[in-house]
Amino acid sequence: MRLSELSGKEIVDVKKAERLGVLGQTDLEINEKNGQIQALVIPSLKWFGLKRQGDEIRVPWSHIKKIGNDMIILDISEEEE
């Protein structure tokens, strides 16, 4: 899958059943040595993206459970939040 195919997908936490953002609004943490994606860094937003709420959510790539046509399903443990 190409990075351009990931853009625009909604990111959803399966445990909380909540929307975390859209991949176009996130950063990818990439290992410079091998080029593999290590994590998604999702900014916490408020009011439909108009105001920043503060901290970012860092989701290790291993927590991604499924990448579908419209969304990316994550399983984030409560300790990592």
C-alpha atoms as a PDB file:
ATOM      1  CA  MET A   1       0.000   0.000   0.000  1.00  0.00           C
ATOM      2  CA  ARG A   2       1.268   3.466  -0.852  1.00  0.00           C
ATOM      3  CA  LEU A   3       1.223   6.411   1.514  1.00  0.00           C
ATOM      4  CA  SER A   4      -1.082   8.274  -0.867  1.00  0.00           C
ATOM      5  CA  GLU A   5      -3.642   5.467  -0.432  1.00  0.00           C
ATOM      6  CA  LEU A   6      -3.625   5.966   3.354  1.00  0.00           C
ATOM      7  CA  SER A   7      -4.356   9.685   3.129  1.00  0.00           C
ATOM      8  CA  GLY A   8      -7.886  10.717   4.055  1.00  0.00           C
ATOM      9  CA  LYS A   9      -8.750   7.568   6.018  1.00  0.00           C
ATOM     10  CA  GLU A  10     -10.446   8.023   9.378  1.00  0.00           C
ATOM     11  CA  ILE A  11      -8.559   6.704  12.396  1.00  0.00           C
ATOM     12  CA  VAL A  12     -10.804   4.913  14.910  1.00  0.00           C
ATOM     13  CA  ASP A  13      -9.983   3.455  18.354  1.00  0.00           C
ATOM     14  CA  VAL A  14     -11.819   0.118  18.565  1.00  0.00           C
ATOM     15  CA  LYS A  15     -11.892  -0.014  22.397  1.00  0.00           C
ATOM     16  CA  LYS A  16     -13.389   3.450  22.902  1.00  0.00           C
ATOM     17  CA  ALA A  17     -15.286   3.484  19.614  1.00  0.00           C
ATOM     18  CA  GLU A  18     -14.142   7.036  19.010  1.00  0.00           C
ATOM     19  CA  ARG A  19     -12.732   8.876  16.023  1.00  0.00           C
ATOM     20  CA  LEU A  20      -9.167  10.100  16.570  1.00  0.00           C
ATOM     21  CA  GLY A  21      -8.647  11.975  13.333  1.00  0.00           C
ATOM     22  CA  VAL A  22      -8.064  11.693   9.624  1.00  0.00           C
ATOM     23  CA  LEU A  23      -4.719  10.491   8.331  1.00  0.00           C
ATOM     24  CA  GLY A  24      -4.174  13.712   6.398  1.00  0.00           C
ATOM     25  CA  GLN A  25      -4.048  15.453   9.793  1.00  0.00           C
ATOM     26  CA  THR A  26      -1.431  13.130  11.290  1.00  0.00           C
ATOM     27  CA  ASP A  27       2.302  12.690  11.140  1.00  0.00           C
ATOM     28  CA  LEU A  28       4.127   9.450  10.528  1.00  0.00           C
ATOM     29  CA  GLU A  29       7.169   8.490  12.582  1.00  0.00           C
ATOM     30  CA  ILE A  30       9.516   6.681  10.203  1.00  0.00           C
ATOM     31  CA  ASN A  31      12.667   4.701  10.980  1.00  0.00           C
ATOM     32  CA  GLU A  32      15.383   6.460   8.990  1.00  0.00           C
ATOM     33  CA  LYS A  33      17.495   3.302   8.681  1.00  0.00           C
ATOM     34  CA  ASN A  34      14.965   0.956   7.096  1.00  0.00           C
ATOM     35  CA  GLY A  35      12.139   3.303   6.048  1.00  0.00           C
ATOM     36  CA  GLN A  36       9.452   1.461   8.024  1.00  0.00           C
ATOM     37  CA  ILE A  37       6.640   3.336   9.724  1.00  0.00           C
ATOM     38  CA  GLN A  38       7.019   3.103  13.501  1.00  0.00           C
ATOM     39  CA  ALA A  39       4.042   5.135  14.690  1.00  0.00           C
ATOM     40  CA  LEU A  40       1.211   7.492  13.833  1.00  0.00           C
ATOM     41  CA  VAL A  41       1.307  10.837  15.678  1.00  0.00           C
ATOM     42  CA  ILE A  42      -2.220  12.235  15.847  1.00  0.00           C
ATOM     43  CA  PRO A  43      -2.821  15.788  17.133  1.00  0.00           C
ATOM     44  CA  SER A  44      -5.650  16.177  19.654  1.00  0.00           C
ATOM     45  CA  LEU A  45      -8.121  18.595  18.101  1.00  0.00           C
ATOM     46  CA  LYS A  46     -11.226  20.352  19.359  1.00  0.00           C
ATOM     47  CA  TRP A  47     -14.139  22.047  17.584  1.00  0.00           C
ATOM     48  CA  PHE A  48     -13.837  20.300  14.241  1.00  0.00           C
ATOM     49  CA  GLY A  49     -10.116  20.968  13.954  1.00  0.00           C
ATOM     50  CA  LEU A  50     -10.250  24.714  14.607  1.00  0.00           C
ATOM     51  CA  LYS A  51      -8.473  24.721  17.982  1.00  0.00           C
ATOM     52  CA  ARG A  52      -5.629  22.619  19.266  1.00  0.00           C
ATOM     53  CA  GLN A  53      -6.464  20.919  22.531  1.00  0.00           C
ATOM     54  CA  GLY A  54      -2.906  20.094  23.542  1.00  0.00           C
ATOM     55  CA  ASP A  55      -1.007  16.851  23.494  1.00  0.00           C
ATOM     56  CA  GLU A  56      -0.602  14.425  20.657  1.00  0.00           C
ATOM     57  CA  ILE A  57      -1.503  10.758  20.569  1.00  0.00           C
ATOM     58  CA  ARG A  58       1.387   8.498  19.511  1.00  0.00           C
ATOM     59  CA  VAL A  59       0.163   5.144  18.234  1.00  0.00           C
ATOM     60  CA  PRO A  60       2.775   2.459  17.550  1.00  0.00           C
ATOM     61  CA  TRP A  61       2.341   0.780  14.168  1.00  0.00           C
ATOM     62  CA  SER A  62       1.875  -2.576  15.950  1.00  0.00           C
ATOM     63  CA  HIS A  63      -1.433  -1.280  17.388  1.00  0.00           C
ATOM     64  CA  ILE A  64      -3.002  -0.904  13.964  1.00  0.00           C
ATOM     65  CA  LYS A  65      -5.411  -3.821  13.626  1.00  0.00           C
ATOM     66  CA  LYS A  66      -6.967  -3.213  10.215  1.00  0.00           C
ATOM     67  CA  ILE A  67      -6.644  -0.797   7.324  1.00  0.00           C
ATOM     68  CA  GLY A  68      -9.855  -0.702   5.322  1.00  0.00           C
ATOM     69  CA  ASN A  69     -11.135   1.284   2.366  1.00  0.00           C
ATOM     70  CA  ASP A  70     -12.394   4.167   4.533  1.00  0.00           C
ATOM     71  CA  MET A  71     -10.746   3.829   7.943  1.00  0.00           C
ATOM     72  CA  ILE A  72      -7.866   2.568  10.031  1.00  0.00           C
ATOM     73  CA  ILE A  73      -8.836   0.576  13.136  1.00  0.00           C
ATOM     74  CA  LEU A  74      -6.543   0.899  16.174  1.00  0.00           C
ATOM     75  CA  ASP A  75      -6.368  -1.009  19.436  1.00  0.00           C
ATOM     76  CA  ILE A  76      -4.749   1.344  21.956  1.00  0.00           C
ATOM     77  CA  SER A  77      -4.151   0.022  25.457  1.00  0.00           C
ATOM     78  CA  GLU A  78      -5.204   2.316  28.292  1.00  0.00           C
ATOM     79  CA  GLU A  79      -1.671   2.373  29.749  1.00  0.00           C
ATOM     80  CA  GLU A  80      -0.322   3.973  26.562  1.00  0.00           C
ATOM     81  CA  GLU A  81      -2.804   6.836  26.499  1.00  0.00           C
END
